[in-house]
Amino acid sequence: MRKELRLPTIFVYLFLIGLLIYFIFLKNYEFISYAIVVGILYYVILCADDYYNFPAYSIWLFGIWIVSHMFGGLIYLKETRLYDIVLIPIINGGGELIILKYDQLIHTYCYMVFAILVYFAMKKHFKEGQIKALILFTILATIGIGLLNEIIEFGMVIFADAAEAVGGYYNTALDLVFNLLGAIIGSILAWKLD
């Protein structure tokens, strides 16, 4: 592991271990699973870094996402879970058709970070002058990761009885839209910072 990644790695794993103990105590199986999955995912990114040498800022951004994601399901303001808080009431179609919630902001941020990581991983496999193709494939790969996340959430609904926390059809569709938005932002940002 590179020296500059030690601090974010210690921070992430201490945070996850503390939360894992807390979620086990609460018997919150959804977030026990999330803590384990993001811990494994962080480890996979560190292993991939040995080959791809991601920018250190991208690893920090991923750690910030882990904290933001976990707090989204853990923190309640009054009786409303942080993920369900409306930040700016841009659209209120009733039910789950509400924009802009904390959940949607975190989905955008998460897939912006994934796009940055994917961009630098895929860059090794593209030739000079193929920037448009690199950006396009970065976006497509990133939304593929987002789709995998939605499948994992569906698994949580089935196996961890998390239907209320995960949401329904509109929630899933909006998640995919904000994942795409984050993928576009992250791809362009990675290109500009490269």
N, C-alpha and C. Protein backbone atom coordinates (compact mmCIF):
# COMPACT_ATOMS: atom_id res chain seq x y z
N MET A 1 0.85 -1.19 0.00
CA MET A 1 0.00 0.00 0.00
C MET A 1 0.89 1.24 0.00
N ARG A 2 0.51 2.20 -0.84
CA ARG A 2 1.26 3.45 -0.89
C ARG A 2 1.11 4.22 0.42
N LYS A 3 2.16 4.94 0.77
CA LYS A 3 2.20 5.68 2.04
C LYS A 3 1.02 6.65 2.18
N GLU A 4 0.68 7.35 1.08
CA GLU A 4 -0.38 8.37 1.15
C GLU A 4 -1.78 7.77 1.31
N LEU A 5 -1.90 6.44 1.20
CA LEU A 5 -3.20 5.79 1.37
C LEU A 5 -3.37 5.19 2.76
N ARG A 6 -2.34 5.25 3.59
CA ARG A 6 -2.44 4.65 4.92
C ARG A 6 -3.48 5.36 5.80
N LEU A 7 -3.44 6.68 5.83
CA LEU A 7 -4.37 7.44 6.68
C LEU A 7 -5.83 7.20 6.29
N PRO A 8 -6.21 7.34 4.99
CA PRO A 8 -7.62 7.07 4.67
C PRO A 8 -8.02 5.62 4.94
N THR A 9 -7.08 4.69 4.79
CA THR A 9 -7.40 3.28 5.03
C THR A 9 -7.64 3.01 6.51
N ILE A 10 -6.80 3.56 7.36
CA ILE A 10 -7.00 3.41 8.81
C ILE A 10 -8.33 4.03 9.20
N PHE A 11 -8.59 5.23 8.69
CA PHE A 11 -9.84 5.93 8.99
C PHE A 11 -11.06 5.10 8.58
N VAL A 12 -11.05 4.59 7.34
CA VAL A 12 -12.18 3.83 6.82
C VAL A 12 -12.43 2.57 7.64
N TYR A 13 -11.38 1.81 7.92
CA TYR A 13 -11.58 0.54 8.61
C TYR A 13 -11.93 0.71 10.08
N LEU A 14 -11.39 1.72 10.75
CA LEU A 14 -11.81 1.99 12.13
C LEU A 14 -13.28 2.40 12.16
N PHE A 15 -13.67 3.23 11.21
CA PHE A 15 -15.07 3.66 11.10
C PHE A 15 -15.99 2.47 10.86
N LEU A 16 -15.62 1.61 9.89
CA LEU A 16 -16.47 0.46 9.56
C LEU A 16 -16.55 -0.55 10.69
N ILE A 17 -15.45 -0.80 11.37
CA ILE A 17 -15.46 -1.76 12.48
C ILE A 17 -16.35 -1.25 13.60
N GLY A 18 -16.22 0.05 13.91
CA GLY A 18 -17.09 0.64 14.94
C GLY A 18 -18.56 0.54 14.58
N LEU A 19 -18.88 0.86 13.33
CA LEU A 19 -20.27 0.78 12.89
C LEU A 19 -20.77 -0.66 12.83
N LEU A 20 -19.91 -1.57 12.41
CA LEU A 20 -20.29 -2.98 12.34
C LEU A 20 -20.69 -3.49 13.72
N ILE A 21 -19.93 -3.15 14.72
CA ILE A 21 -20.26 -3.55 16.10
C ILE A 21 -21.61 -2.95 16.50
N TYR A 22 -21.81 -1.67 16.17
CA TYR A 22 -23.06 -0.98 16.50
C TYR A 22 -24.25 -1.62 15.78
N PHE A 23 -24.09 -1.92 14.47
CA PHE A 23 -25.18 -2.52 13.70
C PHE A 23 -25.48 -3.95 14.15
N ILE A 24 -24.47 -4.67 14.58
CA ILE A 24 -24.70 -6.01 15.13
C ILE A 24 -25.52 -5.91 16.40
N PHE A 25 -25.19 -4.93 17.24
CA PHE A 25 -25.95 -4.70 18.48
C PHE A 25 -27.40 -4.37 18.17
N LEU A 26 -27.64 -3.57 17.13
CA LEU A 26 -29.01 -3.18 16.74
C LEU A 26 -29.73 -4.26 15.93
N LYS A 27 -28.99 -5.28 15.48
CA LYS A 27 -29.50 -6.32 14.60
C LYS A 27 -30.03 -5.72 13.29
N ASN A 28 -29.30 -4.71 12.80
CA ASN A 28 -29.63 -4.07 11.53
C ASN A 28 -28.88 -4.81 10.43
N TYR A 29 -29.51 -5.86 9.89
CA TYR A 29 -28.85 -6.74 8.93
C TYR A 29 -28.55 -6.05 7.60
N GLU A 30 -29.39 -5.09 7.23
CA GLU A 30 -29.13 -4.34 5.99
C GLU A 30 -27.78 -3.64 6.08
N PHE A 31 -27.56 -2.89 7.16
CA PHE A 31 -26.33 -2.12 7.25
C PHE A 31 -25.14 -2.95 7.73
N ILE A 32 -25.39 -4.09 8.37
CA ILE A 32 -24.29 -5.04 8.62
C ILE A 32 -23.75 -5.49 7.27
N SER A 33 -24.67 -5.84 6.38
CA SER A 33 -24.27 -6.28 5.03
C SER A 33 -23.55 -5.18 4.28
N TYR A 34 -24.08 -3.95 4.33
CA TYR A 34 -23.45 -2.83 3.64
C TYR A 34 -22.04 -2.58 4.19
N ALA A 35 -21.88 -2.63 5.51
CA ALA A 35 -20.57 -2.39 6.11
C ALA A 35 -19.56 -3.43 5.62
N ILE A 36 -19.99 -4.68 5.55
CA ILE A 36 -19.10 -5.74 5.07
C ILE A 36 -18.79 -5.54 3.59
N VAL A 37 -19.82 -5.26 2.79
CA VAL A 37 -19.63 -5.10 1.34
C VAL A 37 -18.71 -3.92 1.03
N VAL A 38 -18.93 -2.76 1.68
CA VAL A 38 -18.06 -1.61 1.37
C VAL A 38 -16.65 -1.82 1.92
N GLY A 39 -16.51 -2.56 3.01
CA GLY A 39 -15.18 -2.90 3.51
C GLY A 39 -14.42 -3.76 2.52
N ILE A 40 -15.11 -4.73 1.95
CA ILE A 40 -14.50 -5.59 0.93
C ILE A 40 -14.20 -4.77 -0.33
N LEU A 41 -15.14 -3.92 -0.73
CA LEU A 41 -14.94 -3.09 -1.91
C LEU A 41 -13.75 -2.15 -1.74
N TYR A 42 -13.61 -1.57 -0.57
CA TYR A 42 -12.46 -0.70 -0.30
C TYR A 42 -11.16 -1.49 -0.44
N TYR A 43 -11.15 -2.72 0.07
CA TYR A 43 -9.97 -3.58 -0.03
C TYR A 43 -9.66 -3.90 -1.50
N VAL A 44 -10.70 -4.18 -2.29
CA VAL A 44 -10.51 -4.46 -3.72
C VAL A 44 -9.90 -3.25 -4.42
N ILE A 45 -10.37 -2.06 -4.07
CA ILE A 45 -9.83 -0.84 -4.67
C ILE A 45 -8.36 -0.67 -4.30
N LEU A 46 -8.02 -0.97 -3.04
CA LEU A 46 -6.62 -0.89 -2.62
C LEU A 46 -5.75 -1.89 -3.39
N CYS A 47 -6.28 -3.09 -3.60
CA CYS A 47 -5.53 -4.09 -4.39
C CYS A 47 -5.36 -3.63 -5.83
N ALA A 48 -6.42 -3.07 -6.40
CA ALA A 48 -6.36 -2.57 -7.78
C ALA A 48 -5.39 -1.39 -7.88
N ASP A 49 -5.26 -0.64 -6.80
CA ASP A 49 -4.36 0.51 -6.80
C ASP A 49 -2.91 0.09 -7.03
N ASP A 50 -2.55 -1.12 -6.62
CA ASP A 50 -1.19 -1.61 -6.85
C ASP A 50 -0.85 -1.59 -8.34
N TYR A 51 -1.86 -1.82 -9.18
CA TYR A 51 -1.64 -1.83 -10.63
C TYR A 51 -1.99 -0.48 -11.28
N TYR A 52 -3.13 0.10 -10.86
CA TYR A 52 -3.63 1.28 -11.55
C TYR A 52 -3.12 2.60 -10.98
N ASN A 53 -2.62 2.59 -9.74
CA ASN A 53 -2.08 3.80 -9.12
C ASN A 53 -3.08 4.96 -9.20
N PHE A 54 -4.25 4.74 -8.60
CA PHE A 54 -5.30 5.76 -8.60
C PHE A 54 -4.79 7.04 -7.94
N PRO A 55 -5.33 8.20 -8.33
CA PRO A 55 -4.97 9.42 -7.61
C PRO A 55 -5.40 9.28 -6.14
N ALA A 56 -4.56 9.73 -5.24
CA ALA A 56 -4.86 9.59 -3.80
C ALA A 56 -6.19 10.26 -3.46
N TYR A 57 -6.51 11.37 -4.13
CA TYR A 57 -7.77 12.05 -3.82
C TYR A 57 -8.98 11.16 -4.08
N SER A 58 -8.87 10.24 -5.06
CA SER A 58 -10.01 9.37 -5.37
C SER A 58 -10.26 8.37 -4.23
N ILE A 59 -9.21 7.93 -3.57
CA ILE A 59 -9.36 7.02 -2.43
C ILE A 59 -9.97 7.76 -1.25
N TRP A 60 -9.54 8.99 -1.03
CA TRP A 60 -10.15 9.83 0.01
C TRP A 60 -11.63 10.06 -0.28
N LEU A 61 -11.95 10.38 -1.53
CA LEU A 61 -13.35 10.62 -1.90
C LEU A 61 -14.19 9.37 -1.66
N PHE A 62 -13.61 8.20 -1.94
CA PHE A 62 -14.35 6.96 -1.70
C PHE A 62 -14.59 6.76 -0.21
N GLY A 63 -13.59 7.07 0.61
CA GLY A 63 -13.77 6.98 2.07
C GLY A 63 -14.85 7.92 2.58
N ILE A 64 -14.90 9.12 2.01
CA ILE A 64 -15.95 10.09 2.39
C ILE A 64 -17.32 9.55 2.00
N TRP A 65 -17.40 8.90 0.83
CA TRP A 65 -18.68 8.29 0.45
C TRP A 65 -19.10 7.23 1.46
N ILE A 66 -18.17 6.39 1.90
CA ILE A 66 -18.52 5.34 2.87
C ILE A 66 -19.15 5.96 4.11
N VAL A 67 -18.53 7.01 4.63
CA VAL A 67 -19.07 7.69 5.82
C VAL A 67 -20.44 8.27 5.53
N SER A 68 -20.58 8.98 4.40
CA SER A 68 -21.86 9.60 4.03
C SER A 68 -22.96 8.57 3.85
N HIS A 69 -22.60 7.45 3.24
CA HIS A 69 -23.58 6.37 3.01
C HIS A 69 -24.04 5.77 4.34
N MET A 70 -23.11 5.44 5.19
CA MET A 70 -23.48 4.82 6.47
C MET A 70 -24.29 5.77 7.34
N PHE A 71 -23.89 7.04 7.37
CA PHE A 71 -24.64 8.02 8.15
C PHE A 71 -26.05 8.20 7.59
N GLY A 72 -26.20 8.06 6.27
CA GLY A 72 -27.52 8.19 5.65
C GLY A 72 -28.54 7.22 6.21
N GLY A 73 -28.11 6.02 6.56
CA GLY A 73 -29.02 5.03 7.13
C GLY A 73 -29.04 5.02 8.63
N LEU A 74 -28.06 5.66 9.25
CA LEU A 74 -27.90 5.61 10.71
C LEU A 74 -28.52 6.81 11.42
N ILE A 75 -28.36 7.98 10.85
CA ILE A 75 -28.78 9.22 11.51
C ILE A 75 -30.23 9.53 11.19
N TYR A 76 -30.95 9.92 12.22
CA TYR A 76 -32.35 10.36 12.08
C TYR A 76 -32.46 11.79 12.56
N LEU A 77 -33.15 12.62 11.78
CA LEU A 77 -33.47 13.98 12.19
C LEU A 77 -34.95 13.98 12.52
N LYS A 78 -35.21 14.18 13.80
CA LYS A 78 -36.54 13.95 14.34
C LYS A 78 -36.87 12.48 14.10
N GLU A 79 -37.84 12.16 13.28
CA GLU A 79 -38.13 10.74 13.02
C GLU A 79 -37.87 10.36 11.57
N THR A 80 -37.13 11.20 10.87
CA THR A 80 -36.85 10.96 9.45
C THR A 80 -35.39 10.57 9.27
N ARG A 81 -35.20 9.43 8.60
CA ARG A 81 -33.86 8.95 8.30
C ARG A 81 -33.17 9.95 7.37
N LEU A 82 -31.88 10.19 7.58
CA LEU A 82 -31.13 11.16 6.79
C LEU A 82 -31.29 10.91 5.29
N TYR A 83 -31.28 9.64 4.86
CA TYR A 83 -31.46 9.33 3.44
C TYR A 83 -32.78 9.86 2.89
N ASP A 84 -33.78 10.03 3.73
CA ASP A 84 -35.11 10.45 3.28
C ASP A 84 -35.35 11.96 3.40
N ILE A 85 -34.35 12.68 3.90
CA ILE A 85 -34.48 14.13 4.06
C ILE A 85 -34.46 14.81 2.69
N VAL A 86 -35.43 15.69 2.47
CA VAL A 86 -35.47 16.48 1.23
C VAL A 86 -34.55 17.68 1.44
N LEU A 87 -33.52 17.78 0.60
CA LEU A 87 -32.56 18.88 0.72
C LEU A 87 -33.08 20.13 0.03
N ILE A 88 -33.53 19.96 -1.22
CA ILE A 88 -34.09 21.07 -1.99
C ILE A 88 -35.33 20.52 -2.70
N PRO A 89 -36.51 21.08 -2.42
CA PRO A 89 -37.74 20.54 -3.05
C PRO A 89 -37.88 20.98 -4.51
N ILE A 90 -37.12 20.31 -5.40
CA ILE A 90 -37.16 20.65 -6.82
C ILE A 90 -38.42 20.07 -7.47
N ILE A 91 -38.70 18.79 -7.19
CA ILE A 91 -39.90 18.11 -7.72
C ILE A 91 -40.55 17.37 -6.56
N ASN A 92 -41.85 17.53 -6.42
CA ASN A 92 -42.60 16.76 -5.43
C ASN A 92 -43.82 16.18 -6.12
N GLY A 93 -43.63 14.97 -6.68
CA GLY A 93 -44.72 14.30 -7.38
C GLY A 93 -45.55 13.42 -6.47
N GLY A 94 -45.25 13.49 -5.17
CA GLY A 94 -45.96 12.64 -4.22
C GLY A 94 -45.33 11.27 -4.12
N GLY A 95 -45.54 10.61 -3.01
CA GLY A 95 -44.97 9.28 -2.79
C GLY A 95 -43.45 9.32 -2.83
N GLU A 96 -42.86 8.47 -3.68
CA GLU A 96 -41.40 8.40 -3.79
C GLU A 96 -40.84 9.34 -4.85
N LEU A 97 -41.70 9.98 -5.63
CA LEU A 97 -41.23 10.87 -6.69
C LEU A 97 -40.94 12.26 -6.13
N ILE A 98 -39.82 12.34 -5.41
CA ILE A 98 -39.39 13.59 -4.78
C ILE A 98 -37.92 13.80 -5.14
N ILE A 99 -37.61 15.01 -5.58
CA ILE A 99 -36.24 15.39 -5.91
C ILE A 99 -36.00 16.75 -5.27
N LEU A 100 -35.03 16.95 -4.51
CA LEU A 100 -33.74 16.36 -4.34
C LEU A 100 -33.58 15.93 -2.87
N LYS A 101 -33.40 14.62 -2.68
CA LYS A 101 -33.21 14.07 -1.34
C LYS A 101 -31.73 13.78 -1.11
N TYR A 102 -31.39 13.63 0.16
CA TYR A 102 -30.01 13.26 0.54
C TYR A 102 -29.59 11.99 -0.19
N ASP A 103 -30.48 11.03 -0.29
CA ASP A 103 -30.20 9.77 -0.98
C ASP A 103 -29.73 10.02 -2.41
N GLN A 104 -30.40 10.90 -3.12
CA GLN A 104 -30.06 11.18 -4.51
C GLN A 104 -28.73 11.91 -4.62
N LEU A 105 -28.47 12.81 -3.68
CA LEU A 105 -27.18 13.51 -3.66
C LEU A 105 -26.05 12.51 -3.43
N ILE A 106 -26.24 11.57 -2.52
CA ILE A 106 -25.20 10.58 -2.22
C ILE A 106 -25.02 9.62 -3.40
N HIS A 107 -26.10 9.26 -4.10
CA HIS A 107 -25.96 8.43 -5.29
C HIS A 107 -25.13 9.16 -6.35
N THR A 108 -25.40 10.44 -6.54
CA THR A 108 -24.62 11.23 -7.51
C THR A 108 -23.16 11.27 -7.10
N TYR A 109 -22.91 11.56 -5.84
CA TYR A 109 -21.53 11.64 -5.33
C TYR A 109 -20.82 10.29 -5.47
N CYS A 110 -21.49 9.23 -5.05
CA CYS A 110 -20.90 7.89 -5.09
C CYS A 110 -20.45 7.53 -6.51
N TYR A 111 -21.30 7.73 -7.48
CA TYR A 111 -20.98 7.32 -8.84
C TYR A 111 -20.06 8.31 -9.54
N MET A 112 -19.98 9.52 -9.02
CA MET A 112 -18.93 10.43 -9.47
C MET A 112 -17.57 9.85 -9.06
N VAL A 113 -17.48 9.39 -7.80
CA VAL A 113 -16.23 8.81 -7.29
C VAL A 113 -15.90 7.52 -8.06
N PHE A 114 -16.88 6.65 -8.24
CA PHE A 114 -16.64 5.43 -9.01
C PHE A 114 -16.16 5.75 -10.42
N ALA A 115 -16.74 6.77 -11.04
CA ALA A 115 -16.34 7.13 -12.40
C ALA A 115 -14.88 7.57 -12.43
N ILE A 116 -14.45 8.29 -11.42
CA ILE A 116 -13.04 8.71 -11.36
C ILE A 116 -12.14 7.48 -11.27
N LEU A 117 -12.49 6.54 -10.40
CA LEU A 117 -11.70 5.32 -10.27
C LEU A 117 -11.71 4.50 -11.57
N VAL A 118 -12.90 4.37 -12.17
CA VAL A 118 -13.02 3.60 -13.41
C VAL A 118 -12.23 4.27 -14.53
N TYR A 119 -12.31 5.59 -14.60
CA TYR A 119 -11.57 6.33 -15.64
C TYR A 119 -10.08 6.00 -15.59
N PHE A 120 -9.50 6.08 -14.38
CA PHE A 120 -8.05 5.84 -14.27
C PHE A 120 -7.70 4.37 -14.46
N ALA A 121 -8.64 3.47 -14.15
CA ALA A 121 -8.40 2.05 -14.42
C ALA A 121 -8.46 1.78 -15.93
N MET A 122 -9.45 2.35 -16.60
CA MET A 122 -9.62 2.09 -18.03
C MET A 122 -8.59 2.84 -18.88
N LYS A 123 -8.08 3.93 -18.37
CA LYS A 123 -7.12 4.75 -19.12
C LYS A 123 -5.92 3.93 -19.56
N LYS A 124 -5.51 2.98 -18.74
CA LYS A 124 -4.36 2.13 -19.07
C LYS A 124 -4.61 1.27 -20.32
N HIS A 125 -5.88 1.11 -20.66
CA HIS A 125 -6.24 0.22 -21.76
C HIS A 125 -6.68 0.97 -23.03
N PHE A 126 -6.55 2.30 -23.00
CA PHE A 126 -6.90 3.12 -24.16
C PHE A 126 -5.65 3.81 -24.69
N LYS A 127 -5.63 4.08 -25.97
CA LYS A 127 -4.51 4.78 -26.59
C LYS A 127 -4.71 6.29 -26.48
N GLU A 128 -3.63 7.02 -26.66
CA GLU A 128 -3.71 8.48 -26.73
C GLU A 128 -4.70 8.89 -27.81
N GLY A 129 -5.46 9.94 -27.57
CA GLY A 129 -6.39 10.43 -28.58
C GLY A 129 -7.74 9.73 -28.58
N GLN A 130 -7.95 8.80 -27.65
CA GLN A 130 -9.24 8.09 -27.56
C GLN A 130 -10.07 8.58 -26.38
N ILE A 131 -9.95 9.85 -26.08
CA ILE A 131 -10.59 10.40 -24.88
C ILE A 131 -12.11 10.26 -24.92
N LYS A 132 -12.74 10.47 -26.07
CA LYS A 132 -14.20 10.35 -26.16
C LYS A 132 -14.63 8.92 -25.85
N ALA A 133 -13.91 7.96 -26.41
CA ALA A 133 -14.23 6.55 -26.14
C ALA A 133 -13.98 6.22 -24.67
N LEU A 134 -12.89 6.74 -24.11
CA LEU A 134 -12.58 6.51 -22.70
C LEU A 134 -13.68 7.04 -21.80
N ILE A 135 -14.14 8.25 -22.08
CA ILE A 135 -15.21 8.85 -21.27
C ILE A 135 -16.50 8.04 -21.43
N LEU A 136 -16.85 7.67 -22.65
CA LEU A 136 -18.07 6.89 -22.88
C LEU A 136 -18.02 5.56 -22.14
N PHE A 137 -16.91 4.83 -22.27
CA PHE A 137 -16.80 3.53 -21.60
C PHE A 137 -16.73 3.68 -20.08
N THR A 138 -16.16 4.78 -19.61
CA THR A 138 -16.16 5.04 -18.17
C THR A 138 -17.58 5.22 -17.66
N ILE A 139 -18.37 5.99 -18.39
CA ILE A 139 -19.77 6.20 -18.00
C ILE A 139 -20.53 4.88 -18.01
N LEU A 140 -20.37 4.10 -19.08
CA LEU A 140 -21.10 2.84 -19.19
C LEU A 140 -20.68 1.85 -18.09
N ALA A 141 -19.39 1.75 -17.82
CA ALA A 141 -18.92 0.85 -16.77
C ALA A 141 -19.42 1.29 -15.41
N THR A 142 -19.43 2.60 -15.18
CA THR A 142 -19.87 3.13 -13.90
C THR A 142 -21.35 2.88 -13.67
N ILE A 143 -22.18 3.08 -14.69
CA ILE A 143 -23.60 2.80 -14.48
C ILE A 143 -23.85 1.30 -14.36
N GLY A 144 -22.96 0.49 -14.93
CA GLY A 144 -23.03 -0.96 -14.70
C GLY A 144 -22.80 -1.30 -13.23
N ILE A 145 -21.85 -0.61 -12.61
CA ILE A 145 -21.61 -0.79 -11.17
C ILE A 145 -22.85 -0.35 -10.39
N GLY A 146 -23.47 0.75 -10.84
CA GLY A 146 -24.70 1.22 -10.20
C GLY A 146 -25.82 0.21 -10.29
N LEU A 147 -25.92 -0.45 -11.44
CA LEU A 147 -26.93 -1.49 -11.61
C LEU A 147 -26.67 -2.64 -10.64
N LEU A 148 -25.41 -3.02 -10.50
CA LEU A 148 -25.06 -4.07 -9.55
C LEU A 148 -25.47 -3.68 -8.13
N ASN A 149 -25.28 -2.41 -7.78
CA ASN A 149 -25.70 -1.93 -6.47
C ASN A 149 -27.21 -2.10 -6.27
N GLU A 150 -27.98 -1.78 -7.30
CA GLU A 150 -29.43 -1.93 -7.18
C GLU A 150 -29.83 -3.40 -7.04
N ILE A 151 -29.11 -4.29 -7.68
CA ILE A 151 -29.36 -5.73 -7.52
C ILE A 151 -29.06 -6.16 -6.09
N ILE A 152 -27.97 -5.63 -5.52
CA ILE A 152 -27.63 -5.93 -4.11
C ILE A 152 -28.75 -5.41 -3.20
N GLU A 153 -29.24 -4.19 -3.47
CA GLU A 153 -30.35 -3.66 -2.68
C GLU A 153 -31.58 -4.56 -2.79
N PHE A 154 -31.85 -5.06 -3.99
CA PHE A 154 -32.96 -5.98 -4.18
C PHE A 154 -32.76 -7.24 -3.32
N GLY A 155 -31.53 -7.71 -3.26
CA GLY A 155 -31.20 -8.85 -2.39
C GLY A 155 -31.48 -8.54 -0.94
N MET A 156 -31.20 -7.30 -0.53
CA MET A 156 -31.49 -6.89 0.85
C MET A 156 -32.99 -6.93 1.13
N VAL A 157 -33.77 -6.54 0.13
CA VAL A 157 -35.23 -6.59 0.28
C VAL A 157 -35.68 -8.03 0.51
N ILE A 158 -35.10 -8.96 -0.23
CA ILE A 158 -35.51 -10.35 -0.14
C ILE A 158 -34.98 -11.04 1.11
N PHE A 159 -33.67 -10.86 1.38
CA PHE A 159 -33.03 -11.65 2.43
C PHE A 159 -32.91 -10.94 3.77
N ALA A 160 -32.91 -9.61 3.79
CA ALA A 160 -32.74 -8.89 5.05
C ALA A 160 -33.98 -8.09 5.43
N ASP A 161 -35.08 -8.31 4.70
CA ASP A 161 -36.35 -7.64 4.98
C ASP A 161 -36.16 -6.12 5.08
N ALA A 162 -35.52 -5.55 4.05
CA ALA A 162 -35.20 -4.12 4.07
C ALA A 162 -36.05 -3.34 3.07
N ALA A 163 -37.22 -3.82 2.74
CA ALA A 163 -38.05 -3.18 1.71
C ALA A 163 -38.37 -1.73 2.05
N GLU A 164 -38.66 -1.46 3.31
CA GLU A 164 -39.02 -0.10 3.71
C GLU A 164 -37.82 0.84 3.58
N ALA A 165 -36.64 0.36 3.97
CA ALA A 165 -35.44 1.20 3.93
C ALA A 165 -34.96 1.44 2.50
N VAL A 166 -35.06 0.43 1.64
CA VAL A 166 -34.53 0.52 0.28
C VAL A 166 -35.46 1.31 -0.63
N GLY A 167 -36.75 1.16 -0.50
CA GLY A 167 -37.70 1.89 -1.33
C GLY A 167 -38.26 1.04 -2.45
N GLY A 168 -39.13 1.66 -3.25
CA GLY A 168 -39.81 0.94 -4.32
C GLY A 168 -39.32 1.30 -5.70
N TYR A 169 -40.22 1.19 -6.68
CA TYR A 169 -39.87 1.37 -8.09
C TYR A 169 -39.32 2.77 -8.38
N TYR A 170 -40.01 3.81 -7.91
CA TYR A 170 -39.53 5.17 -8.17
C TYR A 170 -38.16 5.39 -7.55
N ASN A 171 -37.96 4.87 -6.35
CA ASN A 171 -36.66 5.02 -5.70
C ASN A 171 -35.56 4.38 -6.53
N THR A 172 -35.81 3.16 -7.02
CA THR A 172 -34.81 2.47 -7.83
C THR A 172 -34.53 3.23 -9.13
N ALA A 173 -35.58 3.68 -9.79
CA ALA A 173 -35.42 4.41 -11.05
C ALA A 173 -34.67 5.73 -10.82
N LEU A 174 -35.02 6.45 -9.76
CA LEU A 174 -34.32 7.70 -9.46
C LEU A 174 -32.86 7.44 -9.09
N ASP A 175 -32.61 6.34 -8.36
CA ASP A 175 -31.22 5.97 -8.06
C ASP A 175 -30.42 5.81 -9.33
N LEU A 176 -30.99 5.12 -10.33
CA LEU A 176 -30.30 4.89 -11.59
C LEU A 176 -30.04 6.20 -12.34
N VAL A 177 -31.00 7.11 -12.29
CA VAL A 177 -30.83 8.41 -12.94
C VAL A 177 -29.69 9.19 -12.27
N PHE A 178 -29.68 9.22 -10.95
CA PHE A 178 -28.64 9.97 -10.25
C PHE A 178 -27.28 9.27 -10.34
N ASN A 179 -27.29 7.93 -10.47
CA ASN A 179 -26.04 7.21 -10.74
C ASN A 179 -25.45 7.66 -12.08
N LEU A 180 -26.31 7.77 -13.10
CA LEU A 180 -25.87 8.22 -14.42
C LEU A 180 -25.32 9.64 -14.34
N LEU A 181 -26.01 10.51 -13.64
CA LEU A 181 -25.55 11.90 -13.49
C LEU A 181 -24.16 11.92 -12.84
N GLY A 182 -23.98 11.14 -11.76
CA GLY A 182 -22.69 11.07 -11.11
C GLY A 182 -21.62 10.51 -12.02
N ALA A 183 -21.97 9.50 -12.82
CA ALA A 183 -21.01 8.90 -13.75
C ALA A 183 -20.54 9.91 -14.79
N ILE A 184 -21.45 10.73 -15.28
CA ILE A 184 -21.09 11.76 -16.26
C ILE A 184 -20.19 12.80 -15.62
N ILE A 185 -20.57 13.29 -14.45
CA ILE A 185 -19.77 14.31 -13.75
C ILE A 185 -18.38 13.77 -13.44
N GLY A 186 -18.32 12.55 -12.89
CA GLY A 186 -17.04 11.98 -12.51
C GLY A 186 -16.13 11.72 -13.69
N SER A 187 -16.69 11.29 -14.82
CA SER A 187 -15.88 11.03 -16.02
C SER A 187 -15.25 12.32 -16.53
N ILE A 188 -16.05 13.36 -16.59
CA ILE A 188 -15.54 14.65 -17.06
C ILE A 188 -14.53 15.23 -16.07
N LEU A 189 -14.83 15.10 -14.78
CA LEU A 189 -13.92 15.60 -13.74
C LEU A 189 -12.57 14.87 -13.80
N ALA A 190 -12.61 13.55 -13.94
CA ALA A 190 -11.37 12.78 -14.02
C ALA A 190 -10.54 13.20 -15.24
N TRP A 191 -11.23 13.41 -16.37
CA TRP A 191 -10.54 13.85 -17.58
C TRP A 191 -9.89 15.22 -17.36
N LYS A 192 -10.61 16.14 -16.73
CA LYS A 192 -10.08 17.48 -16.51
C LYS A 192 -8.92 17.47 -15.51
N LEU A 193 -8.97 16.58 -14.52
CA LEU A 193 -7.92 16.53 -13.50
C LEU A 193 -6.74 15.66 -13.91
N ASP A 194 -6.89 14.94 -15.01
CA ASP A 194 -5.84 14.01 -15.47
C ASP A 194 -4.65 14.77 -16.02
